[in-house]
């Protein structure tokens, strides 16, 4: 099992155990406050944040050996909006990312090289959020919806160790998936909340439109089979400031072969693991 998934799940379990142990002690004071002011019918929140991502992309041959690996940092700007009524709500968000990472392995030319890869892309989602807030203040929610990611992956021209030139490539990726998961939030002190969620991406469709710069194979339209992948986060919010640690992933099986010019090409089995630290401004209204 992936270490990132295990870490998020373990943190979530610890969170739930902590919340459960604190419910009885906090319930009486918070019940009195709710009786005085009445329950809040709608809870709306806007989050605007920036983050740094530790990004890793890898591709594998049919025998399971690693063909290439990319590692490095990407930087993001994220906007999220959430509106929760008493039992149901919704949320949506958009994430823009940019970064240059290190590439080590084979290109489409099958020559071992080292080069740089530029990433530019976006991620969006829209969820329905059934939820229930206990008298203690503990908020439990589930979510289901749809999401998508689009990115441009540009490999720089380079050369082999012997000095032979190797052309780079340009790839335009996109994928669409369903989203399903659960989360919790709890106020441990006045204006101080802790929160967590875990979820999965359920494949719908994916594509890689590649410009390979290979003689007699100018372009390829590849359709890798997307696999179920996991994501999650855990964080803390104090007044208008919040910090969270998040894990995200993408998984793709090998695509079918396609003919481009005189060559047969395919997208190898591929995966991405992304760890991020996000700081953001949060406003309830």
C-alpha atoms as a PDB file:
ATOM      1  CA  UNK A   1       0.000   0.000   0.000  1.00  0.00           C
ATOM      2  CA  UNK A   2       1.245   3.509  -0.815  1.00  0.00           C
ATOM      3  CA  UNK A   3       2.859   5.306   2.124  1.00  0.00           C
ATOM      4  CA  UNK A   4       0.944   8.504   1.369  1.00  0.00           C
ATOM      5  CA  UNK A   5      -2.399   6.723   1.547  1.00  0.00           C
ATOM      6  CA  UNK A   6      -1.429   5.009   4.791  1.00  0.00           C
ATOM      7  CA  UNK A   7      -0.332   8.317   6.305  1.00  0.00           C
ATOM      8  CA  UNK A   8      -3.558  10.118   5.447  1.00  0.00           C
ATOM      9  CA  UNK A   9      -5.692   7.197   6.695  1.00  0.00           C
ATOM     10  CA  UNK A  10      -3.736   6.971   9.951  1.00  0.00           C
ATOM     11  CA  UNK A  11      -4.039  10.691  10.574  1.00  0.00           C
ATOM     12  CA  UNK A  12      -7.763  10.517   9.884  1.00  0.00           C
ATOM     13  CA  UNK A  13      -8.235   7.659  12.358  1.00  0.00           C
ATOM     14  CA  UNK A  14      -6.333   9.586  15.022  1.00  0.00           C
ATOM     15  CA  UNK A  15      -8.498  12.614  14.307  1.00  0.00           C
ATOM     16  CA  UNK A  16     -11.757  10.679  14.716  1.00  0.00           C
ATOM     17  CA  UNK A  17     -10.549   9.064  17.970  1.00  0.00           C
ATOM     18  CA  UNK A  18      -9.532  12.464  19.325  1.00  0.00           C
ATOM     19  CA  UNK A  19     -12.870  14.009  18.410  1.00  0.00           C
ATOM     20  CA  UNK A  20     -14.823  11.127  19.944  1.00  0.00           C
ATOM     21  CA  UNK A  21     -12.974  11.427  23.239  1.00  0.00           C
ATOM     22  CA  UNK A  22     -13.649  15.162  23.419  1.00  0.00           C
ATOM     23  CA  UNK A  23     -17.335  15.171  22.540  1.00  0.00           C
ATOM     24  CA  UNK A  24     -18.726  14.475  26.009  1.00  0.00           C
ATOM     25  CA  UNK A  25     -16.641  17.164  27.673  1.00  0.00           C
ATOM     26  CA  UNK A  26     -17.530  19.844  25.154  1.00  0.00           C
ATOM     27  CA  UNK A  27     -21.195  19.003  24.644  1.00  0.00           C
ATOM     28  CA  UNK A  28     -22.745  20.798  27.644  1.00  0.00           C
ATOM     29  CA  UNK A  29     -21.162  24.196  26.975  1.00  0.00           C
ATOM     30  CA  UNK A  30     -21.863  24.113  23.281  1.00  0.00           C
ATOM     31  CA  UNK A  31     -25.449  22.953  23.782  1.00  0.00           C
ATOM     32  CA  UNK A  32     -26.066  25.959  26.011  1.00  0.00           C
ATOM     33  CA  UNK A  33     -24.619  28.269  23.392  1.00  0.00           C
ATOM     34  CA  UNK A  34     -26.791  26.752  20.655  1.00  0.00           C
ATOM     35  CA  UNK A  35     -29.941  27.130  22.785  1.00  0.00           C
ATOM     36  CA  UNK A  36     -29.112  30.775  23.356  1.00  0.00           C
ATOM     37  CA  UNK A  37     -28.383  31.716  19.759  1.00  0.00           C
ATOM     38  CA  UNK A  38     -30.166  28.952  17.819  1.00  0.00           C
ATOM     39  CA  UNK A  39     -28.669  26.647  15.206  1.00  0.00           C
ATOM     40  CA  UNK A  40     -27.048  28.154  12.168  1.00  0.00           C
ATOM     41  CA  UNK A  41     -29.078  27.166   9.111  1.00  0.00           C
ATOM     42  CA  UNK A  42     -26.474  27.778   6.396  1.00  0.00           C
ATOM     43  CA  UNK A  43     -22.708  27.682   6.685  1.00  0.00           C
ATOM     44  CA  UNK A  44     -20.912  29.218   3.717  1.00  0.00           C
ATOM     45  CA  UNK A  45     -17.140  29.482   3.387  1.00  0.00           C
ATOM     46  CA  UNK A  46     -14.654  30.778   0.830  1.00  0.00           C
ATOM     47  CA  UNK A  47     -11.032  29.548   0.830  1.00  0.00           C
ATOM     48  CA  UNK A  48      -8.234  31.152  -1.170  1.00  0.00           C
ATOM     49  CA  UNK A  49      -4.843  29.508  -0.834  1.00  0.00           C
ATOM     50  CA  UNK A  50      -1.371  28.870  -2.168  1.00  0.00           C
ATOM     51  CA  UNK A  51       0.588  25.656  -1.852  1.00  0.00           C
ATOM     52  CA  UNK A  52       3.834  23.913  -2.714  1.00  0.00           C
ATOM     53  CA  UNK A  53       3.627  20.386  -4.105  1.00  0.00           C
ATOM     54  CA  UNK A  54       6.219  17.638  -3.935  1.00  0.00           C
ATOM     55  CA  UNK A  55       5.448  16.000  -7.282  1.00  0.00           C
ATOM     56  CA  UNK A  56       6.452  12.580  -8.578  1.00  0.00           C
ATOM     57  CA  UNK A  57       5.521  11.020 -11.938  1.00  0.00           C
ATOM     58  CA  UNK A  58       6.677   7.566 -13.092  1.00  0.00           C
ATOM     59  CA  UNK A  59       6.077   5.319 -16.113  1.00  0.00           C
ATOM     60  CA  UNK A  60       6.595   1.553 -16.327  1.00  0.00           C
ATOM     61  CA  UNK A  61       7.226  -1.030 -19.026  1.00  0.00           C
ATOM     62  CA  UNK A  62       5.054  -4.102 -19.486  1.00  0.00           C
ATOM     63  CA  UNK A  63       7.423  -6.193 -17.332  1.00  0.00           C
ATOM     64  CA  UNK A  64       7.092  -3.693 -14.455  1.00  0.00           C
ATOM     65  CA  UNK A  65      10.506  -2.026 -14.763  1.00  0.00           C
ATOM     66  CA  UNK A  66      10.629   1.756 -14.440  1.00  0.00           C
ATOM     67  CA  UNK A  67      11.065   3.604 -17.737  1.00  0.00           C
ATOM     68  CA  UNK A  68      11.308   7.113 -16.326  1.00  0.00           C
ATOM     69  CA  UNK A  69      10.774   9.222 -13.238  1.00  0.00           C
ATOM     70  CA  UNK A  70      10.049  12.918 -12.733  1.00  0.00           C
ATOM     71  CA  UNK A  71      10.510  14.633  -9.386  1.00  0.00           C
ATOM     72  CA  UNK A  72      10.339  18.240  -8.279  1.00  0.00           C
ATOM     73  CA  UNK A  73       8.128  21.031  -6.994  1.00  0.00           C
ATOM     74  CA  UNK A  74       5.006  22.583  -8.435  1.00  0.00           C
ATOM     75  CA  UNK A  75       3.231  25.690  -7.134  1.00  0.00           C
ATOM     76  CA  UNK A  76      -0.506  26.204  -6.978  1.00  0.00           C
ATOM     77  CA  UNK A  77      -3.226  28.765  -6.485  1.00  0.00           C
ATOM     78  CA  UNK A  78      -6.555  27.368  -5.244  1.00  0.00           C
ATOM     79  CA  UNK A  79     -10.069  28.735  -4.796  1.00  0.00           C
ATOM     80  CA  UNK A  80     -12.824  26.746  -3.026  1.00  0.00           C
ATOM     81  CA  UNK A  81     -16.410  27.559  -2.079  1.00  0.00           C
ATOM     82  CA  UNK A  82     -18.609  25.487   0.261  1.00  0.00           C
ATOM     83  CA  UNK A  83     -22.246  25.977   1.260  1.00  0.00           C
ATOM     84  CA  UNK A  84     -23.717  23.593   3.846  1.00  0.00           C
ATOM     85  CA  UNK A  85     -27.387  23.626   4.825  1.00  0.00           C
ATOM     86  CA  UNK A  86     -28.676  21.651   7.796  1.00  0.00           C
ATOM     87  CA  UNK A  87     -28.460  18.243   6.119  1.00  0.00           C
ATOM     88  CA  UNK A  88     -27.177  18.803   2.597  1.00  0.00           C
ATOM     89  CA  UNK A  89     -24.898  21.206   0.775  1.00  0.00           C
ATOM     90  CA  UNK A  90     -22.541  21.605  -2.122  1.00  0.00           C
ATOM     91  CA  UNK A  91     -19.041  22.819  -2.906  1.00  0.00           C
ATOM     92  CA  UNK A  92     -16.829  23.515  -5.884  1.00  0.00           C
ATOM     93  CA  UNK A  93     -13.279  24.612  -6.523  1.00  0.00           C
ATOM     94  CA  UNK A  94     -10.531  25.264  -9.017  1.00  0.00           C
ATOM     95  CA  UNK A  95      -6.777  24.757  -8.682  1.00  0.00           C
ATOM     96  CA  UNK A  96      -4.114  26.206 -11.003  1.00  0.00           C
ATOM     97  CA  UNK A  97      -0.608  24.762 -10.952  1.00  0.00           C
ATOM     98  CA  UNK A  98       2.780  25.503 -12.523  1.00  0.00           C
ATOM     99  CA  UNK A  99       6.225  23.995 -12.072  1.00  0.00           C
ATOM    100  CA  UNK A 100       9.376  22.578 -13.621  1.00  0.00           C
ATOM    101  CA  UNK A 101      10.579  19.153 -12.505  1.00  0.00           C
ATOM    102  CA  UNK A 102      13.580  16.915 -13.192  1.00  0.00           C
ATOM    103  CA  UNK A 103      13.251  14.078 -15.709  1.00  0.00           C
ATOM    104  CA  UNK A 104      15.386  10.939 -15.683  1.00  0.00           C
ATOM    105  CA  UNK A 105      14.808   7.996 -18.004  1.00  0.00           C
ATOM    106  CA  UNK A 106      13.748   7.314 -21.573  1.00  0.00           C
ATOM    107  CA  UNK A 107      11.912   9.591 -23.953  1.00  0.00           C
ATOM    108  CA  UNK A 108       9.882   8.408 -26.922  1.00  0.00           C
ATOM    109  CA  UNK A 109      13.228   7.996 -28.720  1.00  0.00           C
ATOM    110  CA  UNK A 110      14.042   5.166 -26.207  1.00  0.00           C
ATOM    111  CA  UNK A 111      17.366   6.837 -25.374  1.00  0.00           C
ATOM    112  CA  UNK A 112      18.279   7.329 -21.666  1.00  0.00           C
ATOM    113  CA  UNK A 113      18.459  11.044 -20.902  1.00  0.00           C
ATOM    114  CA  UNK A 114      18.102  13.678 -18.221  1.00  0.00           C
ATOM    115  CA  UNK A 115      16.113  16.824 -18.920  1.00  0.00           C
ATOM    116  CA  UNK A 116      13.515  19.260 -17.502  1.00  0.00           C
ATOM    117  CA  UNK A 117       9.749  19.056 -17.755  1.00  0.00           C
ATOM    118  CA  UNK A 118       7.399  22.038 -17.575  1.00  0.00           C
ATOM    119  CA  UNK A 119       3.916  21.511 -16.130  1.00  0.00           C
ATOM    120  CA  UNK A 120       1.009  23.939 -16.534  1.00  0.00           C
ATOM    121  CA  UNK A 121      -2.493  22.838 -15.638  1.00  0.00           C
ATOM    122  CA  UNK A 122      -5.725  23.085 -13.711  1.00  0.00           C
ATOM    123  CA  UNK A 123      -7.982  20.888 -11.569  1.00  0.00           C
ATOM    124  CA  UNK A 124     -11.693  21.495 -10.933  1.00  0.00           C
ATOM    125  CA  UNK A 125     -14.460  19.738  -9.003  1.00  0.00           C
ATOM    126  CA  UNK A 126     -18.132  19.986  -8.027  1.00  0.00           C
ATOM    127  CA  UNK A 127     -19.543  17.953  -5.110  1.00  0.00           C
ATOM    128  CA  UNK A 128     -22.864  17.368  -3.395  1.00  0.00           C
ATOM    129  CA  UNK A 129     -22.229  17.259   0.380  1.00  0.00           C
ATOM    130  CA  UNK A 130     -24.764  15.548   2.688  1.00  0.00           C
ATOM    131  CA  UNK A 131     -23.768  16.421   6.262  1.00  0.00           C
ATOM    132  CA  UNK A 132     -24.826  16.379   9.899  1.00  0.00           C
ATOM    133  CA  UNK A 133     -23.616  18.544  12.773  1.00  0.00           C
ATOM    134  CA  UNK A 134     -23.963  17.024  16.236  1.00  0.00           C
ATOM    135  CA  UNK A 135     -24.818  19.103  19.315  1.00  0.00           C
ATOM    136  CA  UNK A 136     -21.174  18.749  20.352  1.00  0.00           C
ATOM    137  CA  UNK A 137     -20.141  20.708  17.250  1.00  0.00           C
ATOM    138  CA  UNK A 138     -18.735  17.697  15.411  1.00  0.00           C
ATOM    139  CA  UNK A 139     -19.517  17.916  11.689  1.00  0.00           C
ATOM    140  CA  UNK A 140     -19.586  14.690   9.682  1.00  0.00           C
ATOM    141  CA  UNK A 141     -20.058  14.741   5.925  1.00  0.00           C
ATOM    142  CA  UNK A 142     -19.925  12.594   2.845  1.00  0.00           C
ATOM    143  CA  UNK A 143     -19.418  13.911  -0.654  1.00  0.00           C
ATOM    144  CA  UNK A 144     -19.930  12.739  -4.200  1.00  0.00           C
ATOM    145  CA  UNK A 145     -19.424  14.608  -7.427  1.00  0.00           C
ATOM    146  CA  UNK A 146     -17.347  15.010 -10.531  1.00  0.00           C
ATOM    147  CA  UNK A 147     -13.866  16.373 -11.155  1.00  0.00           C
ATOM    148  CA  UNK A 148     -11.343  16.812 -13.909  1.00  0.00           C
ATOM    149  CA  UNK A 149      -7.717  17.681 -14.528  1.00  0.00           C
ATOM    150  CA  UNK A 150      -6.036  19.190 -17.591  1.00  0.00           C
ATOM    151  CA  UNK A 151      -2.317  19.745 -17.970  1.00  0.00           C
ATOM    152  CA  UNK A 152       0.416  20.545 -20.479  1.00  0.00           C
ATOM    153  CA  UNK A 153       3.610  18.466 -20.099  1.00  0.00           C
ATOM    154  CA  UNK A 154       6.586  19.829 -22.069  1.00  0.00           C
ATOM    155  CA  UNK A 155       9.865  17.893 -22.179  1.00  0.00           C
ATOM    156  CA  UNK A 156      12.871  20.031 -23.133  1.00  0.00           C
ATOM    157  CA  UNK A 157      15.225  19.035 -25.930  1.00  0.00           C
ATOM    158  CA  UNK A 158      18.370  17.448 -24.517  1.00  0.00           C
ATOM    159  CA  UNK A 159      21.225  15.098 -25.371  1.00  0.00           C
ATOM    160  CA  UNK A 160      22.513  11.708 -24.316  1.00  0.00           C
ATOM    161  CA  UNK A 161      25.660  11.169 -22.257  1.00  0.00           C
ATOM    162  CA  UNK A 162      27.522  10.626 -25.535  1.00  0.00           C
ATOM    163  CA  UNK A 163      26.379  14.008 -26.823  1.00  0.00           C
ATOM    164  CA  UNK A 164      23.735  12.813 -29.270  1.00  0.00           C
ATOM    165  CA  UNK A 165      20.812  15.263 -29.538  1.00  0.00           C
ATOM    166  CA  UNK A 166      17.375  14.071 -28.411  1.00  0.00           C
ATOM    167  CA  UNK A 167      14.176  15.912 -29.213  1.00  0.00           C
ATOM    168  CA  UNK A 168      11.704  16.544 -26.438  1.00  0.00           C
ATOM    169  CA  UNK A 169       7.939  16.242 -26.713  1.00  0.00           C
ATOM    170  CA  UNK A 170       4.724  18.063 -25.864  1.00  0.00           C
ATOM    171  CA  UNK A 171       1.774  16.294 -24.259  1.00  0.00           C
ATOM    172  CA  UNK A 172      -1.712  17.619 -23.589  1.00  0.00           C
ATOM    173  CA  UNK A 173      -3.337  15.465 -20.913  1.00  0.00           C
ATOM    174  CA  UNK A 174      -6.855  15.492 -19.526  1.00  0.00           C
ATOM    175  CA  UNK A 175      -8.954  13.169 -17.406  1.00  0.00           C
ATOM    176  CA  UNK A 176     -12.471  13.207 -15.950  1.00  0.00           C
ATOM    177  CA  UNK A 177     -13.528  11.180 -12.911  1.00  0.00           C
ATOM    178  CA  UNK A 178     -16.183  10.774 -10.256  1.00  0.00           C
ATOM    179  CA  UNK A 179     -15.404  11.730  -6.645  1.00  0.00           C
ATOM    180  CA  UNK A 180     -16.563   9.895  -3.534  1.00  0.00           C
ATOM    181  CA  UNK A 181     -15.454  10.299   0.072  1.00  0.00           C
ATOM    182  CA  UNK A 182     -16.084  11.363   3.642  1.00  0.00           C
ATOM    183  CA  UNK A 183     -14.796  13.969   6.079  1.00  0.00           C
ATOM    184  CA  UNK A 184     -15.100  15.500   9.540  1.00  0.00           C
ATOM    185  CA  UNK A 185     -14.554  18.835  11.276  1.00  0.00           C
ATOM    186  CA  UNK A 186     -14.467  19.747  14.959  1.00  0.00           C
ATOM    187  CA  UNK A 187     -13.883  22.898  17.017  1.00  0.00           C
ATOM    188  CA  UNK A 188     -11.328  22.101  19.719  1.00  0.00           C
ATOM    189  CA  UNK A 189     -11.209  25.711  20.968  1.00  0.00           C
ATOM    190  CA  UNK A 190     -12.981  28.927  20.159  1.00  0.00           C
ATOM    191  CA  UNK A 191     -12.115  29.868  16.538  1.00  0.00           C
ATOM    192  CA  UNK A 192      -9.846  26.810  16.264  1.00  0.00           C
ATOM    193  CA  UNK A 193     -11.019  23.887  14.099  1.00  0.00           C
ATOM    194  CA  UNK A 194      -9.394  20.680  12.958  1.00  0.00           C
ATOM    195  CA  UNK A 195     -10.595  18.862   9.846  1.00  0.00           C
ATOM    196  CA  UNK A 196      -9.861  15.916   7.611  1.00  0.00           C
ATOM    197  CA  UNK A 197     -11.235  14.044   4.631  1.00  0.00           C
ATOM    198  CA  UNK A 198     -10.418  11.029   2.472  1.00  0.00           C
ATOM    199  CA  UNK A 199     -11.770  10.082  -0.926  1.00  0.00           C
ATOM    200  CA  UNK A 200     -11.286   8.265  -4.194  1.00  0.00           C
ATOM    201  CA  UNK A 201     -11.395   9.245  -7.855  1.00  0.00           C
ATOM    202  CA  UNK A 202     -13.521   6.906  -9.950  1.00  0.00           C
ATOM    203  CA  UNK A 203     -12.398   6.748 -13.618  1.00  0.00           C
ATOM    204  CA  UNK A 204     -14.577   8.116 -16.419  1.00  0.00           C
ATOM    205  CA  UNK A 205     -12.195   8.979 -19.279  1.00  0.00           C
ATOM    206  CA  UNK A 206      -8.614  10.065 -19.938  1.00  0.00           C
ATOM    207  CA  UNK A 207      -6.532  11.123 -22.927  1.00  0.00           C
ATOM    208  CA  UNK A 208      -3.008  12.165 -23.864  1.00  0.00           C
ATOM    209  CA  UNK A 209      -2.545  14.067 -27.124  1.00  0.00           C
ATOM    210  CA  UNK A 210       1.202  13.897 -27.765  1.00  0.00           C
ATOM    211  CA  UNK A 211       3.444  15.723 -30.211  1.00  0.00           C
ATOM    212  CA  UNK A 212       6.513  13.478 -30.274  1.00  0.00           C
ATOM    213  CA  UNK A 213       8.886  15.161 -32.758  1.00  0.00           C
ATOM    214  CA  UNK A 214       9.824  11.684 -34.048  1.00  0.00           C
ATOM    215  CA  UNK A 215      10.436  11.244 -37.760  1.00  0.00           C
ATOM    216  CA  UNK A 216       7.412   9.671 -39.451  1.00  0.00           C
ATOM    217  CA  UNK A 217       5.392   9.885 -36.198  1.00  0.00           C
ATOM    218  CA  UNK A 218       4.412  13.535 -35.690  1.00  0.00           C
ATOM    219  CA  UNK A 219       1.434  13.079 -33.353  1.00  0.00           C
ATOM    220  CA  UNK A 220      -0.372  10.438 -31.325  1.00  0.00           C
ATOM    221  CA  UNK A 221      -3.795  10.415 -29.687  1.00  0.00           C
ATOM    222  CA  UNK A 222      -3.505   8.041 -26.737  1.00  0.00           C
ATOM    223  CA  UNK A 223      -6.250   6.908 -24.356  1.00  0.00           C
ATOM    224  CA  UNK A 224      -4.733   5.402 -21.198  1.00  0.00           C
ATOM    225  CA  UNK A 225      -7.131   3.500 -18.951  1.00  0.00           C
ATOM    226  CA  UNK A 226      -7.494   5.453 -15.736  1.00  0.00           C
ATOM    227  CA  UNK A 227      -7.533   3.484 -12.452  1.00  0.00           C
ATOM    228  CA  UNK A 228      -9.152   4.331  -9.110  1.00  0.00           C
ATOM    229  CA  UNK A 229      -6.868   6.685  -7.164  1.00  0.00           C
ATOM    230  CA  UNK A 230      -6.931   8.151  -3.657  1.00  0.00           C
ATOM    231  CA  UNK A 231      -6.718  11.617  -2.114  1.00  0.00           C
ATOM    232  CA  UNK A 232      -7.063  13.133   1.336  1.00  0.00           C
ATOM    233  CA  UNK A 233      -6.022  15.909   3.685  1.00  0.00           C
ATOM    234  CA  UNK A 234      -5.795  16.922   7.324  1.00  0.00           C
ATOM    235  CA  UNK A 235      -5.476  20.442   8.642  1.00  0.00           C
ATOM    236  CA  UNK A 236      -6.219  23.144  11.176  1.00  0.00           C
ATOM    237  CA  UNK A 237      -8.117  26.436  10.848  1.00  0.00           C
ATOM    238  CA  UNK A 238      -7.757  29.414  13.193  1.00  0.00           C
ATOM    239  CA  UNK A 239     -10.086  32.344  12.481  1.00  0.00           C
ATOM    240  CA  UNK A 240      -9.247  33.329   8.862  1.00  0.00           C
ATOM    241  CA  UNK A 241      -6.008  31.377   8.565  1.00  0.00           C
ATOM    242  CA  UNK A 242      -5.765  27.664   7.715  1.00  0.00           C
ATOM    243  CA  UNK A 243      -2.983  25.183   7.006  1.00  0.00           C
ATOM    244  CA  UNK A 244      -3.369  21.670   5.669  1.00  0.00           C
ATOM    245  CA  UNK A 245      -1.271  18.743   4.492  1.00  0.00           C
ATOM    246  CA  UNK A 246      -2.716  16.878   1.502  1.00  0.00           C
ATOM    247  CA  UNK A 247      -2.040  13.806  -0.587  1.00  0.00           C
ATOM    248  CA  UNK A 248      -3.294  13.319  -4.149  1.00  0.00           C
ATOM    249  CA  UNK A 249      -2.701  10.696  -6.807  1.00  0.00           C
ATOM    250  CA  UNK A 250      -3.442   9.596 -10.360  1.00  0.00           C
ATOM    251  CA  UNK A 251      -3.169   6.066 -11.749  1.00  0.00           C
ATOM    252  CA  UNK A 252      -3.234   4.986 -15.401  1.00  0.00           C
ATOM    253  CA  UNK A 253      -2.935   1.572 -17.015  1.00  0.00           C
ATOM    254  CA  UNK A 254      -1.230   1.169 -20.374  1.00  0.00           C
ATOM    255  CA  UNK A 255      -3.169   2.525 -23.339  1.00  0.00           C
ATOM    256  CA  UNK A 256      -3.989   0.557 -26.469  1.00  0.00           C
ATOM    257  CA  UNK A 257      -1.494   0.874 -29.291  1.00  0.00           C
ATOM    258  CA  UNK A 258      -2.158   3.448 -32.001  1.00  0.00           C
ATOM    259  CA  UNK A 259      -0.543   3.958 -35.388  1.00  0.00           C
ATOM    260  CA  UNK A 260       1.259   7.249 -35.993  1.00  0.00           C
ATOM    261  CA  UNK A 261       3.006   7.401 -39.334  1.00  0.00           C
ATOM    262  CA  UNK A 262       5.063   4.221 -39.588  1.00  0.00           C
ATOM    263  CA  UNK A 263       5.163   3.522 -35.819  1.00  0.00           C
ATOM    264  CA  UNK A 264       2.906   1.872 -33.271  1.00  0.00           C
ATOM    265  CA  UNK A 265       2.845   3.871 -30.027  1.00  0.00           C
ATOM    266  CA  UNK A 266       1.190   3.596 -26.612  1.00  0.00           C
ATOM    267  CA  UNK A 267       1.172   5.381 -23.270  1.00  0.00           C
ATOM    268  CA  UNK A 268       2.924   3.165 -20.677  1.00  0.00           C
ATOM    269  CA  UNK A 269       1.471   2.400 -17.271  1.00  0.00           C
ATOM    270  CA  UNK A 270       1.832   5.686 -15.374  1.00  0.00           C
ATOM    271  CA  UNK A 271       1.244   7.129 -11.927  1.00  0.00           C
ATOM    272  CA  UNK A 272       1.503  10.429 -10.075  1.00  0.00           C
ATOM    273  CA  UNK A 273       1.911  10.968  -6.317  1.00  0.00           C
ATOM    274  CA  UNK A 274       1.581  14.516  -5.010  1.00  0.00           C
ATOM    275  CA  UNK A 275       2.193  15.716  -1.444  1.00  0.00           C
ATOM    276  CA  UNK A 276       1.336  19.333  -0.730  1.00  0.00           C
ATOM    277  CA  UNK A 277       1.396  21.895   2.051  1.00  0.00           C
ATOM    278  CA  UNK A 278      -1.246  24.595   1.629  1.00  0.00           C
ATOM    279  CA  UNK A 279      -1.732  27.876   3.460  1.00  0.00           C
ATOM    280  CA  UNK A 280      -4.948  29.748   2.799  1.00  0.00           C
ATOM    281  CA  UNK A 281      -7.276  32.529   3.843  1.00  0.00           C
ATOM    282  CA  UNK A 282     -10.700  31.306   4.930  1.00  0.00           C
ATOM    283  CA  UNK A 283     -13.849  33.381   5.347  1.00  0.00           C
ATOM    284  CA  UNK A 284     -17.232  32.233   6.680  1.00  0.00           C
ATOM    285  CA  UNK A 285     -20.376  34.251   5.998  1.00  0.00           C
END
